[in-house]
All heavy atoms as atom14 arrays in JSON, in Angstrom:
{
  "sequence": "LQSCDQTGQQMWTLCKTIENEAEIFASNIAKIVCDKWGKALYFSRS",
  "atom14_mask": [
    [1, 1, 1, 1, 1, 1, 1, 1, 0, 0, 0, 0, 0, 0],
    [1, 1, 1, 1, 1, 1, 1, 1, 1, 0, 0, 0, 0, 0],
    [1, 1, 1, 1, 1, 1, 0, 0, 0, 0, 0, 0, 0, 0],
    [1, 1, 1, 1, 1, 1, 0, 0, 0, 0, 0, 0, 0, 0],
    [1, 1, 1, 1, 1, 1, 1, 1, 0, 0, 0, 0, 0, 0],
    [1, 1, 1, 1, 1, 1, 1, 1, 1, 0, 0, 0, 0, 0],
    [1, 1, 1, 1, 1, 1, 1, 0, 0, 0, 0, 0, 0, 0],
    [1, 1, 1, 1, 0, 0, 0, 0, 0, 0, 0, 0, 0, 0],
    [1, 1, 1, 1, 1, 1, 1, 1, 1, 0, 0, 0, 0, 0],
    [1, 1, 1, 1, 1, 1, 1, 1, 1, 0, 0, 0, 0, 0],
    [1, 1, 1, 1, 1, 1, 1, 1, 0, 0, 0, 0, 0, 0],
    [1, 1, 1, 1, 1, 1, 1, 1, 1, 1, 1, 1, 1, 1],
    [1, 1, 1, 1, 1, 1, 1, 0, 0, 0, 0, 0, 0, 0],
    [1, 1, 1, 1, 1, 1, 1, 1, 0, 0, 0, 0, 0, 0],
    [1, 1, 1, 1, 1, 1, 0, 0, 0, 0, 0, 0, 0, 0],
    [1, 1, 1, 1, 1, 1, 1, 1, 1, 0, 0, 0, 0, 0],
    [1, 1, 1, 1, 1, 1, 1, 0, 0, 0, 0, 0, 0, 0],
    [1, 1, 1, 1, 1, 1, 1, 1, 0, 0, 0, 0, 0, 0],
    [1, 1, 1, 1, 1, 1, 1, 1, 1, 0, 0, 0, 0, 0],
    [1, 1, 1, 1, 1, 1, 1, 1, 0, 0, 0, 0, 0, 0],
    [1, 1, 1, 1, 1, 1, 1, 1, 1, 0, 0, 0, 0, 0],
    [1, 1, 1, 1, 1, 0, 0, 0, 0, 0, 0, 0, 0, 0],
    [1, 1, 1, 1, 1, 1, 1, 1, 1, 0, 0, 0, 0, 0],
    [1, 1, 1, 1, 1, 1, 1, 1, 0, 0, 0, 0, 0, 0],
    [1, 1, 1, 1, 1, 1, 1, 1, 1, 1, 1, 0, 0, 0],
    [1, 1, 1, 1, 1, 0, 0, 0, 0, 0, 0, 0, 0, 0],
    [1, 1, 1, 1, 1, 1, 0, 0, 0, 0, 0, 0, 0, 0],
    [1, 1, 1, 1, 1, 1, 1, 1, 0, 0, 0, 0, 0, 0],
    [1, 1, 1, 1, 1, 1, 1, 1, 0, 0, 0, 0, 0, 0],
    [1, 1, 1, 1, 1, 0, 0, 0, 0, 0, 0, 0, 0, 0],
    [1, 1, 1, 1, 1, 1, 1, 1, 1, 0, 0, 0, 0, 0],
    [1, 1, 1, 1, 1, 1, 1, 1, 0, 0, 0, 0, 0, 0],
    [1, 1, 1, 1, 1, 1, 1, 0, 0, 0, 0, 0, 0, 0],
    [1, 1, 1, 1, 1, 1, 0, 0, 0, 0, 0, 0, 0, 0],
    [1, 1, 1, 1, 1, 1, 1, 1, 0, 0, 0, 0, 0, 0],
    [1, 1, 1, 1, 1, 1, 1, 1, 1, 0, 0, 0, 0, 0],
    [1, 1, 1, 1, 1, 1, 1, 1, 1, 1, 1, 1, 1, 1],
    [1, 1, 1, 1, 0, 0, 0, 0, 0, 0, 0, 0, 0, 0],
    [1, 1, 1, 1, 1, 1, 1, 1, 1, 0, 0, 0, 0, 0],
    [1, 1, 1, 1, 1, 0, 0, 0, 0, 0, 0, 0, 0, 0],
    [1, 1, 1, 1, 1, 1, 1, 1, 0, 0, 0, 0, 0, 0],
    [1, 1, 1, 1, 1, 1, 1, 1, 1, 1, 1, 1, 0, 0],
    [1, 1, 1, 1, 1, 1, 1, 1, 1, 1, 1, 0, 0, 0],
    [1, 1, 1, 1, 1, 1, 0, 0, 0, 0, 0, 0, 0, 0],
    [1, 1, 1, 1, 1, 1, 1, 1, 1, 1, 1, 0, 0, 0],
    [1, 1, 1, 1, 1, 1, 0, 0, 0, 0, 0, 0, 0, 0]
  ],
  "atom14_positions": [
    [[50.41, 101.99, 199.47], [48.9, 101.86, 199.7], [48.12, 101.32, 198.57], [46.85, 101.36, 198.62], [48.26, 103.3, 200.02], [48.97, 103.94, 201.33], [48.5, 105.43, 201.29], [48.59, 103.25, 202.6], [0.0, 0.0, 0.0], [0.0, 0.0, 0.0], [0.0, 0.0, 0.0], [0.0, 0.0, 0.0], [0.0, 0.0, 0.0], [0.0, 0.0, 0.0]],
    [[48.81, 100.65, 197.6], [48.14, 100.29, 196.39], [47.05, 99.2, 196.6], [46.18, 99.13, 195.83], [49.16, 99.66, 195.36], [49.93, 98.45, 195.83], [51.07, 98.15, 194.93], [50.73, 97.36, 194.06], [52.24, 98.66, 195.09], [0.0, 0.0, 0.0], [0.0, 0.0, 0.0], [0.0, 0.0, 0.0], [0.0, 0.0, 0.0], [0.0, 0.0, 0.0]],
    [[47.12, 98.51, 197.73], [46.14, 97.44, 197.9], [45.29, 97.76, 199.21], [44.64, 96.86, 199.81], [46.79, 96.13, 198.11], [47.56, 95.98, 199.26], [0.0, 0.0, 0.0], [0.0, 0.0, 0.0], [0.0, 0.0, 0.0], [0.0, 0.0, 0.0], [0.0, 0.0, 0.0], [0.0, 0.0, 0.0], [0.0, 0.0, 0.0], [0.0, 0.0, 0.0]],
    [[45.22, 99.07, 199.6], [44.59, 99.39, 200.88], [43.04, 99.29, 200.84], [42.51, 99.32, 201.83], [44.96, 100.74, 201.39], [44.27, 102.2, 200.46], [0.0, 0.0, 0.0], [0.0, 0.0, 0.0], [0.0, 0.0, 0.0], [0.0, 0.0, 0.0], [0.0, 0.0, 0.0], [0.0, 0.0, 0.0], [0.0, 0.0, 0.0], [0.0, 0.0, 0.0]],
    [[42.53, 99.16, 199.6], [41.13, 98.95, 199.37], [40.68, 97.49, 199.25], [39.61, 97.2, 199.13], [40.64, 99.71, 198.16], [41.27, 99.42, 196.87], [42.32, 98.72, 196.98], [40.72, 99.62, 195.92], [0.0, 0.0, 0.0], [0.0, 0.0, 0.0], [0.0, 0.0, 0.0], [0.0, 0.0, 0.0], [0.0, 0.0, 0.0], [0.0, 0.0, 0.0]],
    [[41.62, 96.6, 199.33], [41.36, 95.2, 199.17], [40.8, 94.62, 200.53], [41.39, 94.99, 201.68], [42.53, 94.44, 198.72], [42.94, 94.73, 197.32], [44.19, 94.02, 196.79], [44.64, 93.1, 197.49], [44.71, 94.4, 195.7], [0.0, 0.0, 0.0], [0.0, 0.0, 0.0], [0.0, 0.0, 0.0], [0.0, 0.0, 0.0], [0.0, 0.0, 0.0]],
    [[39.88, 93.78, 200.53], [39.37, 93.06, 201.68], [40.42, 92.21, 202.34], [41.23, 91.53, 201.75], [38.12, 92.37, 201.5], [38.37, 91.28, 200.57], [37.03, 93.27, 200.94], [0.0, 0.0, 0.0], [0.0, 0.0, 0.0], [0.0, 0.0, 0.0], [0.0, 0.0, 0.0], [0.0, 0.0, 0.0], [0.0, 0.0, 0.0], [0.0, 0.0, 0.0]],
    [[40.33, 92.11, 203.74], [41.23, 91.14, 204.43], [42.67, 91.65, 204.75], [43.41, 91.03, 205.34], [0.0, 0.0, 0.0], [0.0, 0.0, 0.0], [0.0, 0.0, 0.0], [0.0, 0.0, 0.0], [0.0, 0.0, 0.0], [0.0, 0.0, 0.0], [0.0, 0.0, 0.0], [0.0, 0.0, 0.0], [0.0, 0.0, 0.0], [0.0, 0.0, 0.0]],
    [[42.91, 92.93, 204.29], [44.29, 93.5, 204.63], [44.35, 93.94, 205.95], [43.48, 94.36, 206.61], [44.48, 94.57, 203.56], [44.48, 94.23, 202.1], [45.78, 93.43, 201.72], [46.89, 93.7, 202.11], [45.53, 92.39, 200.9], [0.0, 0.0, 0.0], [0.0, 0.0, 0.0], [0.0, 0.0, 0.0], [0.0, 0.0, 0.0], [0.0, 0.0, 0.0]],
    [[45.6, 93.73, 206.58], [45.8, 94.17, 207.93], [46.89, 95.26, 208.11], [46.62, 96.29, 208.84], [46.25, 93.0, 208.78], [45.2, 91.92, 208.82], [45.64, 90.73, 209.71], [46.37, 89.99, 209.22], [45.07, 90.61, 210.96], [0.0, 0.0, 0.0], [0.0, 0.0, 0.0], [0.0, 0.0, 0.0], [0.0, 0.0, 0.0], [0.0, 0.0, 0.0]],
    [[48.0, 95.09, 207.42], [49.08, 96.16, 207.42], [49.94, 96.04, 206.24], [49.9, 95.01, 205.5], [49.89, 96.16, 208.8], [50.65, 95.0, 208.97], [51.68, 95.2, 210.52], [52.87, 96.42, 210.02], [0.0, 0.0, 0.0], [0.0, 0.0, 0.0], [0.0, 0.0, 0.0], [0.0, 0.0, 0.0], [0.0, 0.0, 0.0], [0.0, 0.0, 0.0]],
    [[50.68, 97.02, 205.91], [51.39, 97.08, 204.7], [52.83, 97.75, 204.97], [53.07, 98.43, 205.99], [50.81, 98.08, 203.72], [49.38, 97.62, 203.24], [49.02, 96.97, 202.24], [48.28, 97.96, 203.96], [47.67, 96.79, 202.14], [47.13, 97.44, 203.26], [47.9, 98.72, 205.13], [45.75, 97.62, 203.58], [46.62, 98.96, 205.47], [45.56, 98.35, 204.74]],
    [[53.84, 97.22, 204.17], [55.16, 97.9, 204.24], [55.78, 97.74, 202.86], [55.17, 97.2, 201.91], [55.98, 97.21, 205.32], [57.07, 98.09, 205.6], [56.47, 95.79, 204.95], [0.0, 0.0, 0.0], [0.0, 0.0, 0.0], [0.0, 0.0, 0.0], [0.0, 0.0, 0.0], [0.0, 0.0, 0.0], [0.0, 0.0, 0.0], [0.0, 0.0, 0.0]],
    [[57.02, 98.14, 202.65], [57.71, 98.2, 201.39], [59.07, 97.42, 201.51], [59.67, 97.28, 202.46], [58.01, 99.67, 200.98], [56.8, 100.5, 200.61], [57.34, 101.98, 200.35], [56.03, 99.96, 199.4], [0.0, 0.0, 0.0], [0.0, 0.0, 0.0], [0.0, 0.0, 0.0], [0.0, 0.0, 0.0], [0.0, 0.0, 0.0], [0.0, 0.0, 0.0]],
    [[59.42, 96.95, 200.31], [60.69, 96.33, 200.09], [61.27, 96.82, 198.83], [60.63, 97.26, 197.98], [60.7, 94.78, 200.19], [60.04, 94.01, 198.76], [0.0, 0.0, 0.0], [0.0, 0.0, 0.0], [0.0, 0.0, 0.0], [0.0, 0.0, 0.0], [0.0, 0.0, 0.0], [0.0, 0.0, 0.0], [0.0, 0.0, 0.0], [0.0, 0.0, 0.0]],
    [[62.66, 96.72, 198.77], [63.3, 97.06, 197.62], [64.46, 95.99, 197.24], [65.17, 95.47, 198.17], [63.94, 98.36, 197.74], [64.79, 98.96, 196.42], [65.46, 100.26, 196.68], [66.13, 100.78, 195.39], [67.2, 99.82, 194.97], [0.0, 0.0, 0.0], [0.0, 0.0, 0.0], [0.0, 0.0, 0.0], [0.0, 0.0, 0.0], [0.0, 0.0, 0.0]],
    [[64.68, 95.64, 195.97], [65.59, 94.74, 195.56], [66.95, 95.26, 195.97], [67.35, 96.46, 195.77], [65.54, 94.46, 194.14], [64.3, 93.89, 193.8], [66.7, 93.45, 193.71], [0.0, 0.0, 0.0], [0.0, 0.0, 0.0], [0.0, 0.0, 0.0], [0.0, 0.0, 0.0], [0.0, 0.0, 0.0], [0.0, 0.0, 0.0], [0.0, 0.0, 0.0]],
    [[67.83, 94.48, 196.57], [69.22, 94.96, 197.0], [70.05, 94.95, 195.68], [70.11, 93.89, 195.07], [69.73, 93.97, 198.11], [69.06, 94.17, 199.47], [71.33, 94.14, 198.27], [69.44, 93.34, 200.52], [0.0, 0.0, 0.0], [0.0, 0.0, 0.0], [0.0, 0.0, 0.0], [0.0, 0.0, 0.0], [0.0, 0.0, 0.0], [0.0, 0.0, 0.0]],
    [[70.68, 96.02, 195.48], [71.53, 96.2, 194.33], [72.97, 96.16, 194.55], [73.83, 96.19, 193.79], [71.09, 97.43, 193.54], [69.66, 97.39, 193.04], [69.14, 98.68, 192.29], [70.01, 99.64, 192.4], [68.05, 98.69, 191.81], [0.0, 0.0, 0.0], [0.0, 0.0, 0.0], [0.0, 0.0, 0.0], [0.0, 0.0, 0.0], [0.0, 0.0, 0.0]],
    [[73.32, 96.55, 195.92], [74.65, 96.59, 196.38], [74.99, 95.24, 197.14], [74.3, 95.13, 198.22], [74.86, 97.86, 197.21], [76.33, 97.85, 197.76], [77.1, 96.93, 197.6], [76.64, 99.1, 198.31], [0.0, 0.0, 0.0], [0.0, 0.0, 0.0], [0.0, 0.0, 0.0], [0.0, 0.0, 0.0], [0.0, 0.0, 0.0], [0.0, 0.0, 0.0]],
    [[75.76, 94.36, 196.75], [75.94, 93.07, 197.29], [76.28, 93.22, 198.78], [75.94, 92.38, 199.66], [76.9, 92.31, 196.64], [77.05, 90.84, 197.1], [78.0, 90.0, 196.14], [78.24, 90.46, 195.1], [78.36, 88.83, 196.55], [0.0, 0.0, 0.0], [0.0, 0.0, 0.0], [0.0, 0.0, 0.0], [0.0, 0.0, 0.0], [0.0, 0.0, 0.0]],
    [[77.19, 94.28, 199.19], [77.53, 94.42, 200.53], [76.29, 94.51, 201.52], [76.3, 94.16, 202.62], [78.44, 95.62, 200.71], [0.0, 0.0, 0.0], [0.0, 0.0, 0.0], [0.0, 0.0, 0.0], [0.0, 0.0, 0.0], [0.0, 0.0, 0.0], [0.0, 0.0, 0.0], [0.0, 0.0, 0.0], [0.0, 0.0, 0.0], [0.0, 0.0, 0.0]],
    [[75.21, 95.1, 201.05], [74.0, 95.23, 201.91], [73.42, 93.93, 202.26], [72.72, 93.9, 203.36], [72.99, 96.11, 201.23], [73.39, 97.61, 200.92], [72.29, 98.45, 200.32], [71.35, 97.84, 199.82], [72.43, 99.67, 200.45], [0.0, 0.0, 0.0], [0.0, 0.0, 0.0], [0.0, 0.0, 0.0], [0.0, 0.0, 0.0], [0.0, 0.0, 0.0]],
    [[73.66, 92.95, 201.59], [73.16, 91.56, 201.98], [73.69, 91.17, 203.45], [72.9, 90.62, 204.15], [73.53, 90.48, 200.97], [72.99, 90.87, 199.63], [73.06, 89.12, 201.4], [73.58, 89.86, 198.47], [0.0, 0.0, 0.0], [0.0, 0.0, 0.0], [0.0, 0.0, 0.0], [0.0, 0.0, 0.0], [0.0, 0.0, 0.0], [0.0, 0.0, 0.0]],
    [[74.85, 91.62, 203.72], [75.52, 91.18, 204.89], [75.55, 92.34, 206.0], [76.08, 92.12, 207.02], [77.02, 90.77, 204.64], [77.05, 89.69, 203.53], [77.27, 90.05, 202.16], [76.88, 88.33, 203.82], [77.29, 89.1, 201.12], [76.82, 87.43, 202.83], [77.06, 87.72, 201.46], [0.0, 0.0, 0.0], [0.0, 0.0, 0.0], [0.0, 0.0, 0.0]],
    [[75.03, 93.48, 205.62], [74.95, 94.65, 206.57], [73.86, 94.34, 207.72], [72.72, 94.27, 207.34], [74.78, 95.88, 205.8], [0.0, 0.0, 0.0], [0.0, 0.0, 0.0], [0.0, 0.0, 0.0], [0.0, 0.0, 0.0], [0.0, 0.0, 0.0], [0.0, 0.0, 0.0], [0.0, 0.0, 0.0], [0.0, 0.0, 0.0], [0.0, 0.0, 0.0]],
    [[74.32, 94.28, 208.9], [73.32, 93.98, 209.98], [72.47, 95.13, 210.26], [71.37, 95.09, 211.0], [74.1, 93.54, 211.3], [74.97, 94.7, 211.72], [0.0, 0.0, 0.0], [0.0, 0.0, 0.0], [0.0, 0.0, 0.0], [0.0, 0.0, 0.0], [0.0, 0.0, 0.0], [0.0, 0.0, 0.0], [0.0, 0.0, 0.0], [0.0, 0.0, 0.0]],
    [[72.81, 96.38, 209.89], [71.9, 97.52, 210.14], [70.79, 97.71, 209.06], [69.9, 98.42, 209.12], [72.75, 98.8, 210.05], [73.31, 99.13, 208.7], [73.93, 98.19, 208.1], [73.19, 100.37, 208.23], [0.0, 0.0, 0.0], [0.0, 0.0, 0.0], [0.0, 0.0, 0.0], [0.0, 0.0, 0.0], [0.0, 0.0, 0.0], [0.0, 0.0, 0.0]],
    [[70.82, 96.67, 208.08], [69.83, 96.7, 207.03], [68.92, 95.36, 207.24], [69.47, 94.33, 207.25], [70.39, 96.7, 205.6], [71.09, 98.0, 205.43], [69.35, 96.43, 204.58], [71.83, 98.06, 204.09], [0.0, 0.0, 0.0], [0.0, 0.0, 0.0], [0.0, 0.0, 0.0], [0.0, 0.0, 0.0], [0.0, 0.0, 0.0], [0.0, 0.0, 0.0]],
    [[67.69, 95.57, 207.51], [66.73, 94.43, 207.69], [66.43, 93.84, 206.2], [66.0, 94.66, 205.4], [65.45, 94.86, 208.38], [0.0, 0.0, 0.0], [0.0, 0.0, 0.0], [0.0, 0.0, 0.0], [0.0, 0.0, 0.0], [0.0, 0.0, 0.0], [0.0, 0.0, 0.0], [0.0, 0.0, 0.0], [0.0, 0.0, 0.0], [0.0, 0.0, 0.0]],
    [[66.51, 92.55, 206.15], [66.19, 91.91, 204.91], [64.86, 91.27, 205.1], [64.38, 90.95, 206.28], [67.23, 90.87, 204.51], [68.38, 91.34, 203.78], [69.31, 92.25, 204.53], [70.17, 91.54, 205.6], [71.14, 92.42, 206.29], [0.0, 0.0, 0.0], [0.0, 0.0, 0.0], [0.0, 0.0, 0.0], [0.0, 0.0, 0.0], [0.0, 0.0, 0.0]],
    [[64.2, 90.94, 203.99], [62.88, 90.3, 204.2], [62.62, 89.24, 203.02], [63.26, 89.32, 201.94], [61.85, 91.47, 203.93], [60.35, 90.99, 204.03], [61.98, 92.13, 202.61], [59.3, 92.14, 204.08], [0.0, 0.0, 0.0], [0.0, 0.0, 0.0], [0.0, 0.0, 0.0], [0.0, 0.0, 0.0], [0.0, 0.0, 0.0], [0.0, 0.0, 0.0]],
    [[61.86, 88.25, 203.42], [61.44, 87.17, 202.35], [59.87, 87.14, 202.54], [59.35, 87.18, 203.65], [62.04, 85.83, 202.64], [63.51, 85.84, 202.36], [61.93, 85.34, 204.25], [0.0, 0.0, 0.0], [0.0, 0.0, 0.0], [0.0, 0.0, 0.0], [0.0, 0.0, 0.0], [0.0, 0.0, 0.0], [0.0, 0.0, 0.0], [0.0, 0.0, 0.0]],
    [[59.27, 86.92, 201.42], [57.82, 86.81, 201.32], [57.35, 85.59, 200.61], [58.07, 84.94, 200.06], [57.39, 88.11, 200.5], [57.8, 89.6, 201.15], [0.0, 0.0, 0.0], [0.0, 0.0, 0.0], [0.0, 0.0, 0.0], [0.0, 0.0, 0.0], [0.0, 0.0, 0.0], [0.0, 0.0, 0.0], [0.0, 0.0, 0.0], [0.0, 0.0, 0.0]],
    [[56.03, 85.3, 200.88], [55.5, 84.17, 200.1], [55.01, 84.63, 198.81], [55.14, 85.81, 198.41], [54.25, 83.58, 200.95], [53.1, 84.52, 201.13], [52.99, 85.56, 200.29], [52.17, 84.38, 202.09], [0.0, 0.0, 0.0], [0.0, 0.0, 0.0], [0.0, 0.0, 0.0], [0.0, 0.0, 0.0], [0.0, 0.0, 0.0], [0.0, 0.0, 0.0]],
    [[54.39, 83.78, 198.01], [54.05, 84.06, 196.64], [52.89, 85.06, 196.51], [52.65, 85.54, 195.3], [53.84, 82.76, 195.86], [52.48, 82.12, 196.19], [52.35, 80.91, 195.38], [51.14, 80.06, 195.7], [50.88, 78.94, 194.73], [0.0, 0.0, 0.0], [0.0, 0.0, 0.0], [0.0, 0.0, 0.0], [0.0, 0.0, 0.0], [0.0, 0.0, 0.0]],
    [[52.27, 85.3, 197.55], [51.13, 86.22, 197.54], [51.57, 87.68, 198.17], [50.76, 88.49, 198.3], [49.97, 85.78, 198.37], [49.37, 84.49, 197.96], [48.45, 84.48, 196.78], [49.64, 83.13, 198.31], [48.23, 83.05, 196.67], [48.85, 82.33, 197.46], [50.36, 82.65, 199.29], [48.83, 80.94, 197.75], [50.4, 81.18, 199.59], [49.6, 80.53, 198.74]],
    [[52.96, 87.83, 198.29], [53.35, 89.12, 198.78], [53.25, 89.33, 200.18], [53.27, 90.53, 200.7], [0.0, 0.0, 0.0], [0.0, 0.0, 0.0], [0.0, 0.0, 0.0], [0.0, 0.0, 0.0], [0.0, 0.0, 0.0], [0.0, 0.0, 0.0], [0.0, 0.0, 0.0], [0.0, 0.0, 0.0], [0.0, 0.0, 0.0], [0.0, 0.0, 0.0]],
    [[53.1, 88.31, 201.07], [52.98, 88.43, 202.48], [54.32, 88.21, 203.09], [55.01, 87.15, 202.76], [51.89, 87.48, 203.09], [50.41, 87.85, 202.63], [49.9, 89.12, 203.19], [48.44, 89.4, 203.01], [48.14, 89.56, 201.57], [0.0, 0.0, 0.0], [0.0, 0.0, 0.0], [0.0, 0.0, 0.0], [0.0, 0.0, 0.0], [0.0, 0.0, 0.0]],
    [[54.7, 88.97, 204.06], [56.02, 88.7, 204.7], [56.09, 87.41, 205.53], [55.15, 87.0, 206.17], [56.32, 89.89, 205.73], [0.0, 0.0, 0.0], [0.0, 0.0, 0.0], [0.0, 0.0, 0.0], [0.0, 0.0, 0.0], [0.0, 0.0, 0.0], [0.0, 0.0, 0.0], [0.0, 0.0, 0.0], [0.0, 0.0, 0.0], [0.0, 0.0, 0.0]],
    [[57.19, 86.67, 205.22], [57.38, 85.45, 206.01], [58.3, 85.73, 207.12], [58.09, 85.11, 208.33], [57.99, 84.4, 205.01], [57.09, 83.73, 204.01], [57.92, 82.9, 203.03], [56.07, 82.91, 204.56], [0.0, 0.0, 0.0], [0.0, 0.0, 0.0], [0.0, 0.0, 0.0], [0.0, 0.0, 0.0], [0.0, 0.0, 0.0], [0.0, 0.0, 0.0]],
    [[59.45, 86.44, 206.87], [60.38, 86.77, 207.98], [61.21, 87.94, 207.64], [61.5, 88.26, 206.45], [61.26, 85.53, 208.2], [62.04, 85.64, 209.5], [61.4, 85.54, 210.75], [63.39, 85.84, 209.56], [62.08, 85.62, 211.9], [64.14, 85.97, 210.72], [63.42, 85.87, 211.95], [64.11, 85.98, 213.08], [0.0, 0.0, 0.0], [0.0, 0.0, 0.0]],
    [[61.51, 88.74, 208.68], [62.48, 89.75, 208.54], [63.78, 89.38, 209.36], [63.65, 88.81, 210.45], [61.99, 91.15, 209.23], [60.69, 91.66, 208.57], [59.59, 91.09, 208.81], [60.69, 92.68, 207.72], [58.25, 91.49, 208.3], [59.63, 93.13, 207.01], [58.38, 92.6, 207.45], [0.0, 0.0, 0.0], [0.0, 0.0, 0.0], [0.0, 0.0, 0.0]],
    [[64.99, 89.75, 208.82], [66.18, 89.48, 209.68], [67.29, 90.42, 209.22], [67.29, 91.09, 208.12], [66.68, 88.1, 209.2], [67.82, 87.75, 209.98], [0.0, 0.0, 0.0], [0.0, 0.0, 0.0], [0.0, 0.0, 0.0], [0.0, 0.0, 0.0], [0.0, 0.0, 0.0], [0.0, 0.0, 0.0], [0.0, 0.0, 0.0], [0.0, 0.0, 0.0]],
    [[68.19, 90.67, 210.25], [69.38, 91.43, 209.97], [70.49, 90.52, 209.26], [71.39, 91.12, 208.78], [69.9, 91.97, 211.28], [68.99, 92.97, 211.86], [69.54, 93.62, 213.22], [68.56, 94.47, 213.82], [68.32, 95.75, 213.46], [68.9, 96.23, 212.41], [67.41, 96.54, 213.98], [0.0, 0.0, 0.0], [0.0, 0.0, 0.0], [0.0, 0.0, 0.0]],
    [[70.3, 89.29, 209.34], [71.14, 88.33, 208.62], [70.71, 88.24, 207.17], [69.53, 88.58, 206.75], [71.07, 86.95, 209.29], [71.61, 87.08, 210.53], [0.0, 0.0, 0.0], [0.0, 0.0, 0.0], [0.0, 0.0, 0.0], [0.0, 0.0, 0.0], [0.0, 0.0, 0.0], [0.0, 0.0, 0.0], [0.0, 0.0, 0.0], [0.0, 0.0, 0.0]]
  ]
}
């Protein structure tokens, strides 16, 4: 919720850096890439 008071926000979620290399390839774990402003570009099980 750190930016919930900023104008123009619609919704928020969290991500964490993967520290276990096996998780990169685990299909039960959704991965995410973002733009330079911290907005989600895509989520994938791949």
